[in-house]
Amino acid sequence: MAEPQTEFGLGHGEYKTPGGKMVVADLSVVQGQLQQVVVSGDFFLYPEETLALITHALNGQPANASRDALTAAVD
């Protein structure tokens, strides 16, 4: 995601996996950091608490973080 031109930006992304499942991410960018991250879609995670852990790990990450950096944060 590109750095927004203002203090506050909104992001929305959708990805359909090869198996057909949809993953959606909505977020705000405040002062260059991901905030209010919500990940949703038609998928299942086990244990159920995993989704909350993923969104918690993404909140506060730099908006210009690389895919590898975001993956490391989630891992």
PDB file of N, CA and C in Angstrom:
ATOM      1  N   MET A   1       0.846  -1.169   0.000  1.00  0.00           N
ATOM      2  CA  MET A   1       0.000   0.000   0.000  1.00  0.00           C
ATOM      3  C   MET A   1       0.894   1.235   0.000  1.00  0.00           C
ATOM      4  N   ALA A   2       0.566   2.191  -0.826  1.00  0.00           N
ATOM      5  CA  ALA A   2       1.353   3.425  -0.898  1.00  0.00           C
ATOM      6  C   ALA A   2       1.054   4.307   0.305  1.00  0.00           C
ATOM      7  N   GLU A   3       2.025   5.093   0.692  1.00  0.00           N
ATOM      8  CA  GLU A   3       1.849   6.047   1.792  1.00  0.00           C
ATOM      9  C   GLU A   3       0.782   7.067   1.386  1.00  0.00           C
ATOM     10  N   PRO A   4      -0.243   7.296   2.217  1.00  0.00           N
ATOM     11  CA  PRO A   4      -1.291   8.258   1.852  1.00  0.00           C
ATOM     12  C   PRO A   4      -0.756   9.688   1.846  1.00  0.00           C
ATOM     13  N   GLN A   5      -1.433  10.541   1.118  1.00  0.00           N
ATOM     14  CA  GLN A   5      -1.037  11.941   1.017  1.00  0.00           C
ATOM     15  C   GLN A   5      -1.468  12.746   2.231  1.00  0.00           C
ATOM     16  N   THR A   6      -2.348  12.215   3.052  1.00  0.00           N
ATOM     17  CA  THR A   6      -2.852  12.941   4.213  1.00  0.00           C
ATOM     18  C   THR A   6      -2.494  12.176   5.474  1.00  0.00           C
ATOM     19  N   GLU A   7      -2.819  12.769   6.610  1.00  0.00           N
ATOM     20  CA  GLU A   7      -2.576  12.120   7.899  1.00  0.00           C
ATOM     21  C   GLU A   7      -3.404  10.842   8.041  1.00  0.00           C
ATOM     22  N   PHE A   8      -4.544  10.800   7.382  1.00  0.00           N
ATOM     23  CA  PHE A   8      -5.492   9.712   7.577  1.00  0.00           C
ATOM     24  C   PHE A   8      -5.892   9.160   6.218  1.00  0.00           C
ATOM     25  N   GLY A   9      -5.716   7.878   6.003  1.00  0.00           N
ATOM     26  CA  GLY A   9      -6.115   7.241   4.755  1.00  0.00           C
ATOM     27  C   GLY A   9      -6.860   5.957   5.038  1.00  0.00           C
ATOM     28  N   LEU A  10      -7.646   5.515   4.094  1.00  0.00           N
ATOM     29  CA  LEU A  10      -8.410   4.282   4.238  1.00  0.00           C
ATOM     30  C   LEU A  10      -7.916   3.278   3.216  1.00  0.00           C
ATOM     31  N   GLY A  11      -7.931   2.025   3.597  1.00  0.00           N
ATOM     32  CA  GLY A  11      -7.527   0.974   2.679  1.00  0.00           C
ATOM     33  C   GLY A  11      -8.542  -0.153   2.658  1.00  0.00           C
ATOM     34  N   HIS A  12      -8.704  -0.747   1.495  1.00  0.00           N
ATOM     35  CA  HIS A  12      -9.585  -1.900   1.329  1.00  0.00           C
ATOM     36  C   HIS A  12      -8.953  -2.789   0.276  1.00  0.00           C
ATOM     37  N   GLY A  13      -8.853  -4.055   0.580  1.00  0.00           N
ATOM     38  CA  GLY A  13      -8.312  -4.993  -0.383  1.00  0.00           C
ATOM     39  C   GLY A  13      -9.054  -6.313  -0.330  1.00  0.00           C
ATOM     40  N   GLU A  14      -9.149  -6.966  -1.473  1.00  0.00           N
ATOM     41  CA  GLU A  14      -9.787  -8.273  -1.575  1.00  0.00           C
ATOM     42  C   GLU A  14      -8.865  -9.202  -2.349  1.00  0.00           C
ATOM     43  N   TYR A  15      -8.820 -10.454  -1.909  1.00  0.00           N
ATOM     44  CA  TYR A  15      -8.004 -11.453  -2.593  1.00  0.00           C
ATOM     45  C   TYR A  15      -8.764 -12.765  -2.614  1.00  0.00           C
ATOM     46  N   LYS A  16      -8.914 -13.323  -3.784  1.00  0.00           N
ATOM     47  CA  LYS A  16      -9.553 -14.633  -3.922  1.00  0.00           C
ATOM     48  C   LYS A  16      -8.451 -15.663  -4.089  1.00  0.00           C
ATOM     49  N   THR A  17      -8.385 -16.603  -3.156  1.00  0.00           N
ATOM     50  CA  THR A  17      -7.345 -17.621  -3.175  1.00  0.00           C
ATOM     51  C   THR A  17      -7.587 -18.598  -4.316  1.00  0.00           C
ATOM     52  N   PRO A  18      -6.543 -19.324  -4.736  1.00  0.00           N
ATOM     53  CA  PRO A  18      -6.715 -20.305  -5.815  1.00  0.00           C
ATOM     54  C   PRO A  18      -7.820 -21.327  -5.528  1.00  0.00           C
ATOM     55  N   GLY A  19      -8.076 -21.637  -4.250  1.00  0.00           N
ATOM     56  CA  GLY A  19      -9.131 -22.579  -3.902  1.00  0.00           C
ATOM     57  C   GLY A  19     -10.512 -21.966  -3.888  1.00  0.00           C
ATOM     58  N   GLY A  20     -10.602 -20.654  -4.115  1.00  0.00           N
ATOM     59  CA  GLY A  20     -11.897 -20.005  -4.198  1.00  0.00           C
ATOM     60  C   GLY A  20     -12.331 -19.233  -2.970  1.00  0.00           C
ATOM     61  N   LYS A  21     -11.535 -19.219  -1.904  1.00  0.00           N
ATOM     62  CA  LYS A  21     -11.903 -18.488  -0.691  1.00  0.00           C
ATOM     63  C   LYS A  21     -11.551 -17.016  -0.839  1.00  0.00           C
ATOM     64  N   MET A  22     -12.413 -16.129  -0.325  1.00  0.00           N
ATOM     65  CA  MET A  22     -12.202 -14.692  -0.389  1.00  0.00           C
ATOM     66  C   MET A  22     -11.648 -14.195   0.946  1.00  0.00           C
ATOM     67  N   VAL A  23     -10.589 -13.380   0.867  1.00  0.00           N
ATOM     68  CA  VAL A  23     -10.012 -12.729   2.037  1.00  0.00           C
ATOM     69  C   VAL A  23     -10.119 -11.226   1.809  1.00  0.00           C
ATOM     70  N   VAL A  24     -10.660 -10.505   2.786  1.00  0.00           N
ATOM     71  CA  VAL A  24     -10.872  -9.064   2.680  1.00  0.00           C
ATOM     72  C   VAL A  24     -10.155  -8.383   3.838  1.00  0.00           C
ATOM     73  N   ALA A  25      -9.485  -7.275   3.535  1.00  0.00           N
ATOM     74  CA  ALA A  25      -8.834  -6.479   4.582  1.00  0.00           C
ATOM     75  C   ALA A  25      -9.291  -5.032   4.450  1.00  0.00           C
ATOM     76  N   ASP A  26      -9.747  -4.468   5.562  1.00  0.00           N
ATOM     77  CA  ASP A  26     -10.097  -3.056   5.649  1.00  0.00           C
ATOM     78  C   ASP A  26      -9.250  -2.455   6.757  1.00  0.00           C
ATOM     79  N   LEU A  27      -8.789  -1.236   6.550  1.00  0.00           N
ATOM     80  CA  LEU A  27      -7.919  -0.611   7.540  1.00  0.00           C
ATOM     81  C   LEU A  27      -7.875   0.889   7.348  1.00  0.00           C
ATOM     82  N   SER A  28      -7.345   1.555   8.349  1.00  0.00           N
ATOM     83  CA  SER A  28      -7.058   2.979   8.286  1.00  0.00           C
ATOM     84  C   SER A  28      -5.554   3.136   8.360  1.00  0.00           C
ATOM     85  N   VAL A  29      -5.056   4.216   7.792  1.00  0.00           N
ATOM     86  CA  VAL A  29      -3.644   4.567   7.918  1.00  0.00           C
ATOM     87  C   VAL A  29      -3.590   5.906   8.636  1.00  0.00           C
ATOM     88  N   VAL A  30      -2.971   5.896   9.807  1.00  0.00           N
ATOM     89  CA  VAL A  30      -2.843   7.101  10.614  1.00  0.00           C
ATOM     90  C   VAL A  30      -1.373   7.321  10.907  1.00  0.00           C
ATOM     91  N   GLN A  31      -0.871   8.469  10.523  1.00  0.00           N
ATOM     92  CA  GLN A  31       0.533   8.826  10.738  1.00  0.00           C
ATOM     93  C   GLN A  31       1.475   7.718  10.267  1.00  0.00           C
ATOM     94  N   GLY A  32       1.141   7.145   9.097  1.00  0.00           N
ATOM     95  CA  GLY A  32       2.004   6.145   8.488  1.00  0.00           C
ATOM     96  C   GLY A  32       1.915   4.746   9.069  1.00  0.00           C
ATOM     97  N   GLN A  33       0.939   4.513   9.942  1.00  0.00           N
ATOM     98  CA  GLN A  33       0.797   3.184  10.540  1.00  0.00           C
ATOM     99  C   GLN A  33      -0.579   2.594  10.254  1.00  0.00           C
ATOM    100  N   LEU A  34      -0.615   1.271  10.106  1.00  0.00           N
ATOM    101  CA  LEU A  34      -1.888   0.571   9.946  1.00  0.00           C
ATOM    102  C   LEU A  34      -2.653   0.629  11.263  1.00  0.00           C
ATOM    103  N   GLN A  35      -3.922   1.002  11.183  1.00  0.00           N
ATOM    104  CA  GLN A  35      -4.788   1.079  12.354  1.00  0.00           C
ATOM    105  C   GLN A  35      -6.151   0.495  12.009  1.00  0.00           C
ATOM    106  N   GLN A  36      -6.884   0.062  13.002  1.00  0.00           N
ATOM    107  CA  GLN A  36      -8.240  -0.459  12.839  1.00  0.00           C
ATOM    108  C   GLN A  36      -8.302  -1.530  11.748  1.00  0.00           C
ATOM    109  N   VAL A  37      -7.331  -2.427  11.761  1.00  0.00           N
ATOM    110  CA  VAL A  37      -7.273  -3.495  10.765  1.00  0.00           C
ATOM    111  C   VAL A  37      -8.391  -4.503  11.037  1.00  0.00           C
ATOM    112  N   VAL A  38      -9.149  -4.821   9.993  1.00  0.00           N
ATOM    113  CA  VAL A  38     -10.190  -5.844  10.069  1.00  0.00           C
ATOM    114  C   VAL A  38      -9.963  -6.794   8.900  1.00  0.00           C
ATOM    115  N   VAL A  39      -9.761  -8.068   9.206  1.00  0.00           N
ATOM    116  CA  VAL A  39      -9.608  -9.104   8.186  1.00  0.00           C
ATOM    117  C   VAL A  39     -10.853  -9.979   8.251  1.00  0.00           C
ATOM    118  N   SER A  40     -11.469 -10.202   7.108  1.00  0.00           N
ATOM    119  CA  SER A  40     -12.690 -11.013   7.072  1.00  0.00           C
ATOM    120  C   SER A  40     -12.729 -11.781   5.754  1.00  0.00           C
ATOM    121  N   GLY A  41     -13.770 -12.555   5.568  1.00  0.00           N
ATOM    122  CA  GLY A  41     -13.922 -13.301   4.328  1.00  0.00           C
ATOM    123  C   GLY A  41     -14.633 -14.613   4.558  1.00  0.00           C
ATOM    124  N   ASP A  42     -14.619 -15.449   3.543  1.00  0.00           N
ATOM    125  CA  ASP A  42     -15.297 -16.748   3.623  1.00  0.00           C
ATOM    126  C   ASP A  42     -14.278 -17.864   3.836  1.00  0.00           C
ATOM    127  N   PHE A  43     -13.614 -17.804   4.964  1.00  0.00           N
ATOM    128  CA  PHE A  43     -12.587 -18.782   5.298  1.00  0.00           C
ATOM    129  C   PHE A  43     -12.746 -19.174   6.763  1.00  0.00           C
ATOM    130  N   PHE A  44     -12.093 -20.248   7.137  1.00  0.00           N
ATOM    131  CA  PHE A  44     -12.120 -20.725   8.510  1.00  0.00           C
ATOM    132  C   PHE A  44     -10.699 -20.783   9.037  1.00  0.00           C
ATOM    133  N   LEU A  45     -10.527 -20.400  10.288  1.00  0.00           N
ATOM    134  CA  LEU A  45      -9.233 -20.513  10.961  1.00  0.00           C
ATOM    135  C   LEU A  45      -9.420 -21.321  12.230  1.00  0.00           C
ATOM    136  N   TYR A  46      -8.439 -22.104  12.558  1.00  0.00           N
ATOM    137  CA  TYR A  46      -8.471 -22.867  13.795  1.00  0.00           C
ATOM    138  C   TYR A  46      -7.134 -22.709  14.492  1.00  0.00           C
ATOM    139  N   PRO A  47      -7.136 -22.364  15.744  1.00  0.00           N
ATOM    140  CA  PRO A  47      -8.303 -22.038  16.554  1.00  0.00           C
ATOM    141  C   PRO A  47      -8.904 -20.685  16.161  1.00  0.00           C
ATOM    142  N   GLU A  48     -10.148 -20.444  16.557  1.00  0.00           N
ATOM    143  CA  GLU A  48     -10.867 -19.235  16.170  1.00  0.00           C
ATOM    144  C   GLU A  48     -10.154 -17.955  16.606  1.00  0.00           C
ATOM    145  N   GLU A  49      -9.401 -18.013  17.688  1.00  0.00           N
ATOM    146  CA  GLU A  49      -8.708 -16.829  18.206  1.00  0.00           C
ATOM    147  C   GLU A  49      -7.598 -16.350  17.263  1.00  0.00           C
ATOM    148  N   THR A  50      -7.233 -17.179  16.296  1.00  0.00           N
ATOM    149  CA  THR A  50      -6.149 -16.841  15.382  1.00  0.00           C
ATOM    150  C   THR A  50      -6.418 -15.544  14.631  1.00  0.00           C
ATOM    151  N   LEU A  51      -7.645 -15.306  14.207  1.00  0.00           N
ATOM    152  CA  LEU A  51      -7.965 -14.097  13.455  1.00  0.00           C
ATOM    153  C   LEU A  51      -7.708 -12.845  14.295  1.00  0.00           C
ATOM    154  N   ALA A  52      -8.081 -12.866  15.555  1.00  0.00           N
ATOM    155  CA  ALA A  52      -7.816 -11.723  16.440  1.00  0.00           C
ATOM    156  C   ALA A  52      -6.317 -11.506  16.604  1.00  0.00           C
ATOM    157  N   LEU A  53      -5.550 -12.577  16.674  1.00  0.00           N
ATOM    158  CA  LEU A  53      -4.092 -12.454  16.789  1.00  0.00           C
ATOM    159  C   LEU A  53      -3.488 -11.847  15.523  1.00  0.00           C
ATOM    160  N   ILE A  54      -4.014 -12.219  14.368  1.00  0.00           N
ATOM    161  CA  ILE A  54      -3.521 -11.677  13.103  1.00  0.00           C
ATOM    162  C   ILE A  54      -3.792 -10.178  13.025  1.00  0.00           C
ATOM    163  N   THR A  55      -5.023  -9.773  13.315  1.00  0.00           N
ATOM    164  CA  THR A  55      -5.346  -8.348  13.234  1.00  0.00           C
ATOM    165  C   THR A  55      -4.552  -7.550  14.271  1.00  0.00           C
ATOM    166  N   HIS A  56      -4.352  -8.105  15.439  1.00  0.00           N
ATOM    167  CA  HIS A  56      -3.541  -7.426  16.470  1.00  0.00           C
ATOM    168  C   HIS A  56      -2.101  -7.246  15.986  1.00  0.00           C
ATOM    169  N   ALA A  57      -1.562  -8.253  15.330  1.00  0.00           N
ATOM    170  CA  ALA A  57      -0.180  -8.181  14.839  1.00  0.00           C
ATOM    171  C   ALA A  57      -0.029  -7.136  13.729  1.00  0.00           C
ATOM    172  N   LEU A  58      -1.064  -6.917  12.933  1.00  0.00           N
ATOM    173  CA  LEU A  58      -0.988  -5.961  11.831  1.00  0.00           C
ATOM    174  C   LEU A  58      -1.192  -4.519  12.285  1.00  0.00           C
ATOM    175  N   ASN A  59      -1.986  -4.314  13.315  1.00  0.00           N
ATOM    176  CA  ASN A  59      -2.204  -2.963  13.836  1.00  0.00           C
ATOM    177  C   ASN A  59      -0.883  -2.376  14.308  1.00  0.00           C
ATOM    178  N   GLY A  60      -0.596  -1.162  13.881  1.00  0.00           N
ATOM    179  CA  GLY A  60       0.621  -0.481  14.282  1.00  0.00           C
ATOM    180  C   GLY A  60       1.806  -0.703  13.368  1.00  0.00           C
ATOM    181  N   GLN A  61       1.669  -1.605  12.388  1.00  0.00           N
ATOM    182  CA  GLN A  61       2.756  -1.835  11.433  1.00  0.00           C
ATOM    183  C   GLN A  61       2.863  -0.636  10.489  1.00  0.00           C
ATOM    184  N   PRO A  62       4.047  -0.356   9.964  1.00  0.00           N
ATOM    185  CA  PRO A  62       4.193   0.745   9.008  1.00  0.00           C
ATOM    186  C   PRO A  62       3.343   0.500   7.763  1.00  0.00           C
ATOM    187  N   ALA A  63       2.713   1.541   7.262  1.00  0.00           N
ATOM    188  CA  ALA A  63       1.864   1.416   6.072  1.00  0.00           C
ATOM    189  C   ALA A  63       2.678   1.024   4.848  1.00  0.00           C
ATOM    190  N   ASN A  64       3.955   1.335   4.839  1.00  0.00           N
ATOM    191  CA  ASN A  64       4.793   0.997   3.687  1.00  0.00           C
ATOM    192  C   ASN A  64       5.622  -0.260   3.937  1.00  0.00           C
ATOM    193  N   ALA A  65       5.220  -1.074   4.916  1.00  0.00           N
ATOM    194  CA  ALA A  65       5.940  -2.306   5.215  1.00  0.00           C
ATOM    195  C   ALA A  65       5.857  -3.268   4.026  1.00  0.00           C
ATOM    196  N   SER A  66       6.901  -4.031   3.844  1.00  0.00           N
ATOM    197  CA  SER A  66       6.933  -5.024   2.770  1.00  0.00           C
ATOM    198  C   SER A  66       6.054  -6.216   3.121  1.00  0.00           C
ATOM    199  N   ARG A  67       5.744  -7.001   2.127  1.00  0.00           N
ATOM    200  CA  ARG A  67       4.988  -8.243   2.359  1.00  0.00           C
ATOM    201  C   ARG A  67       5.730  -9.135   3.351  1.00  0.00           C
ATOM    202  N   ASP A  68       7.058  -9.232   3.187  1.00  0.00           N
ATOM    203  CA  ASP A  68       7.855 -10.062   4.089  1.00  0.00           C
ATOM    204  C   ASP A  68       7.775  -9.562   5.529  1.00  0.00           C
ATOM    205  N   ALA A  69       7.807  -8.237   5.714  1.00  0.00           N
ATOM    206  CA  ALA A  69       7.733  -7.669   7.066  1.00  0.00           C
ATOM    207  C   ALA A  69       6.368  -7.931   7.701  1.00  0.00           C
ATOM    208  N   LEU A  70       5.303  -7.806   6.916  1.00  0.00           N
ATOM    209  CA  LEU A  70       3.961  -8.072   7.450  1.00  0.00           C
ATOM    210  C   LEU A  70       3.775  -9.556   7.743  1.00  0.00           C
ATOM    211  N   THR A  71       4.332 -10.397   6.884  1.00  0.00           N
ATOM    212  CA  THR A  71       4.272 -11.845   7.130  1.00  0.00           C
ATOM    213  C   THR A  71       5.007 -12.194   8.416  1.00  0.00           C
ATOM    214  N   ALA A  72       6.163 -11.609   8.626  1.00  0.00           N
ATOM    215  CA  ALA A  72       6.939 -11.857   9.847  1.00  0.00           C
ATOM    216  C   ALA A  72       6.153 -11.401  11.076  1.00  0.00           C
ATOM    217  N   ALA A  73       5.474 -10.266  10.979  1.00  0.00           N
ATOM    218  CA  ALA A  73       4.691  -9.763  12.113  1.00  0.00           C
ATOM    219  C   ALA A  73       3.568 -10.725  12.464  1.00  0.00           C
ATOM    220  N   VAL A  74       2.923 -11.263  11.444  1.00  0.00           N
ATOM    221  CA  VAL A  74       1.815 -12.205  11.672  1.00  0.00           C
ATOM    222  C   VAL A  74       2.345 -13.541  12.201  1.00  0.00           C
ATOM    223  N   ASP A  75       3.473 -13.990  11.660  1.00  0.00           N
ATOM    224  CA  ASP A  75       4.059 -15.259  12.131  1.00  0.00           C
ATOM    225  C   ASP A  75       4.443 -15.144  13.579  1.00  0.00           C
TER     226      ASP A  75
END
